[in-house]
Amino acid sequence: MIVYVDTSVLVALLTVEPKTKDVMAWYAGLREVPYCADWLLTEFSSAISIKLRTKQLTDAQVKLVRKEFNLLIAGGLRLVPVSRAAFKQAAELVKQHRFGLSAGDSLHLASALELGASHIATLDGTLVKNAKRMGLEQIML
């Protein structure tokens, strides 16, 4: 089983969010290391910067979160490069406006599909619907 994890799950894992306890329990029980695309590096940094700008996190908390994130990507997560084919597929996915995918979520979905993931872990309802439509199973968090 290949599990692809999107940014929403990792933000909840490393900061306080409504689903943090559920995500922590899920992550602690994983038997295999999950995958994510390199896009995570940018998207996670953006999410943490937003939390800092909106005063959801302090400078000290951000420093700690970034340290924990670096530890996570060093050993608790397998990052895969985003290929040109994944970018093209993501562009095609967002063209299908009726499905409501954002650019970032379409890139996660295209990367998961290219990787051959069987499951996706996400807290994003729109991504869940689209992943199911594309044949991926959702991990309930």
Protein backbone atom coordinates (compact mmCIF):
# COMPACT_ATOMS: atom_id res chain seq x y z
CA MET A 1 0.00 0.00 0.00
CA ILE A 2 1.33 3.42 -0.97
CA VAL A 3 -0.08 6.25 1.12
CA TYR A 4 0.13 9.78 -0.23
CA VAL A 5 -0.27 12.53 2.34
CA ASP A 6 -1.22 16.10 1.49
CA THR A 7 -0.15 19.30 3.22
CA SER A 8 -3.32 19.70 5.27
CA VAL A 9 -2.50 16.55 7.23
CA LEU A 10 1.06 17.61 7.95
CA VAL A 11 0.00 21.09 9.06
CA ALA A 12 -2.43 19.45 11.48
CA LEU A 13 0.28 17.05 12.64
CA LEU A 14 2.72 19.84 13.51
CA THR A 15 0.41 22.64 14.66
CA VAL A 16 -2.78 22.82 16.68
CA GLU A 17 -5.77 22.31 14.41
CA PRO A 18 -9.23 20.80 14.96
CA LYS A 19 -8.04 17.42 13.63
CA THR A 20 -4.61 17.38 15.29
CA LYS A 21 -5.41 14.57 17.74
CA ASP A 22 -6.85 12.37 14.98
CA VAL A 23 -3.86 13.02 12.70
CA MET A 24 -1.36 12.32 15.49
CA ALA A 25 -3.07 9.02 16.30
CA TRP A 26 -3.13 8.02 12.63
CA TYR A 27 0.49 8.96 12.07
CA ALA A 28 1.65 7.11 15.20
CA GLY A 29 -0.02 3.95 13.89
CA LEU A 30 1.47 4.02 10.40
CA ARG A 31 3.32 0.88 9.37
CA GLU A 32 4.93 2.37 6.30
CA VAL A 33 6.43 5.76 5.57
CA PRO A 34 3.96 7.94 3.63
CA TYR A 35 4.81 9.84 0.45
CA CYS A 36 4.31 13.42 -0.60
CA ALA A 37 5.43 15.52 -3.56
CA ASP A 38 8.14 18.15 -3.25
CA TRP A 39 5.32 20.68 -3.64
CA LEU A 40 4.83 20.14 0.10
CA LEU A 41 7.98 22.17 0.80
CA THR A 42 6.41 25.32 -0.64
CA GLU A 43 2.85 24.74 0.47
CA PHE A 44 3.77 23.88 4.07
CA SER A 45 5.99 26.96 4.35
CA SER A 46 3.15 29.09 3.04
CA ALA A 47 0.67 27.64 5.54
CA ILE A 48 3.03 28.26 8.45
CA SER A 49 3.78 31.80 7.28
CA ILE A 50 0.04 32.49 7.12
CA LYS A 51 -0.34 31.21 10.68
CA LEU A 52 2.45 33.57 11.76
CA ARG A 53 0.99 36.59 9.93
CA THR A 54 -2.45 35.93 11.40
CA LYS A 55 -0.96 35.48 14.88
CA GLN A 56 -2.06 31.85 15.18
CA LEU A 57 1.60 31.06 15.89
CA THR A 58 4.40 33.04 17.52
CA ASP A 59 7.91 33.38 16.12
CA ALA A 60 9.14 30.83 18.67
CA GLN A 61 6.40 28.35 17.72
CA VAL A 62 7.19 28.77 14.01
CA LYS A 63 10.85 28.06 14.69
CA LEU A 64 9.90 24.85 16.49
CA VAL A 65 7.38 23.80 13.81
CA ARG A 66 9.95 24.33 11.04
CA LYS A 67 12.50 22.26 13.01
CA GLU A 68 9.96 19.43 13.47
CA PHE A 69 9.04 19.64 9.77
CA ASN A 70 12.69 19.28 8.76
CA LEU A 71 13.00 16.23 11.01
CA LEU A 72 9.85 14.78 9.47
CA ILE A 73 11.05 15.16 5.90
CA ALA A 74 14.46 13.79 6.88
CA GLY A 75 13.05 10.46 7.99
CA GLY A 76 9.30 10.21 8.48
CA LEU A 77 8.16 11.07 5.00
CA ARG A 78 9.31 10.21 1.49
CA LEU A 79 9.36 13.23 -0.80
CA VAL A 80 9.06 12.62 -4.53
CA PRO A 81 9.85 15.11 -7.28
CA VAL A 82 7.04 16.69 -9.24
CA SER A 83 7.44 15.74 -12.88
CA ARG A 84 6.45 17.79 -15.90
CA ALA A 85 3.80 15.13 -16.59
CA ALA A 86 2.30 15.70 -13.13
CA PHE A 87 2.20 19.46 -13.76
CA LYS A 88 0.43 18.82 -17.07
CA GLN A 89 -2.07 16.45 -15.48
CA ALA A 90 -2.68 18.95 -12.68
CA ALA A 91 -3.41 21.62 -15.29
CA GLU A 92 -5.93 19.31 -16.93
CA LEU A 93 -7.55 18.58 -13.58
CA VAL A 94 -8.08 22.26 -12.76
CA LYS A 95 -9.53 22.88 -16.22
CA GLN A 96 -12.42 20.67 -15.12
CA HIS A 97 -13.80 23.53 -13.04
CA ARG A 98 -16.94 21.68 -11.99
CA PHE A 99 -14.81 19.49 -9.70
CA GLY A 100 -13.49 22.52 -7.75
CA LEU A 101 -9.83 21.56 -7.39
CA SER A 102 -7.30 24.25 -6.50
CA ALA A 103 -3.93 24.34 -8.26
CA GLY A 104 -2.17 22.94 -5.20
CA ASP A 105 -4.64 20.13 -4.65
CA SER A 106 -4.58 19.20 -8.32
CA LEU A 107 -0.79 18.95 -8.12
CA HIS A 108 -1.04 16.71 -5.06
CA LEU A 109 -3.60 14.52 -6.81
CA ALA A 110 -1.59 14.28 -10.03
CA SER A 111 1.53 13.42 -8.03
CA ALA A 112 -0.30 10.73 -6.05
CA LEU A 113 -1.65 9.21 -9.25
CA GLU A 114 1.74 9.26 -10.95
CA LEU A 115 3.30 7.63 -7.89
CA GLY A 116 0.73 4.85 -8.03
CA ALA A 117 -0.62 5.62 -4.57
CA SER A 118 -3.50 3.47 -3.42
CA HIS A 119 -4.58 5.77 -0.57
CA ILE A 120 -4.60 9.48 0.12
CA ALA A 121 -4.59 11.13 3.53
CA THR A 122 -6.12 14.60 3.41
CA LEU A 123 -8.37 16.85 5.46
CA ASP A 124 -9.66 18.60 2.34
CA GLY A 125 -13.16 17.54 1.31
CA THR A 126 -12.79 18.62 -2.30
CA LEU A 127 -9.56 16.69 -2.66
CA VAL A 128 -11.23 13.63 -1.09
CA LYS A 129 -14.05 13.70 -3.65
CA ASN A 130 -11.65 14.07 -6.54
CA ALA A 131 -9.25 11.42 -5.27
CA LYS A 132 -12.15 8.96 -4.98
CA ARG A 133 -13.25 9.90 -8.48
CA MET A 134 -9.75 9.06 -9.70
CA GLY A 135 -9.65 5.69 -7.89
CA LEU A 136 -7.78 6.50 -4.68
CA GLU A 137 -9.09 5.45 -1.30
CA GLN A 138 -9.29 8.06 1.45
CA ILE A 139 -7.74 7.47 4.82
CA MET A 140 -10.28 8.61 7.38
CA LEU A 141 -8.89 11.18 9.77
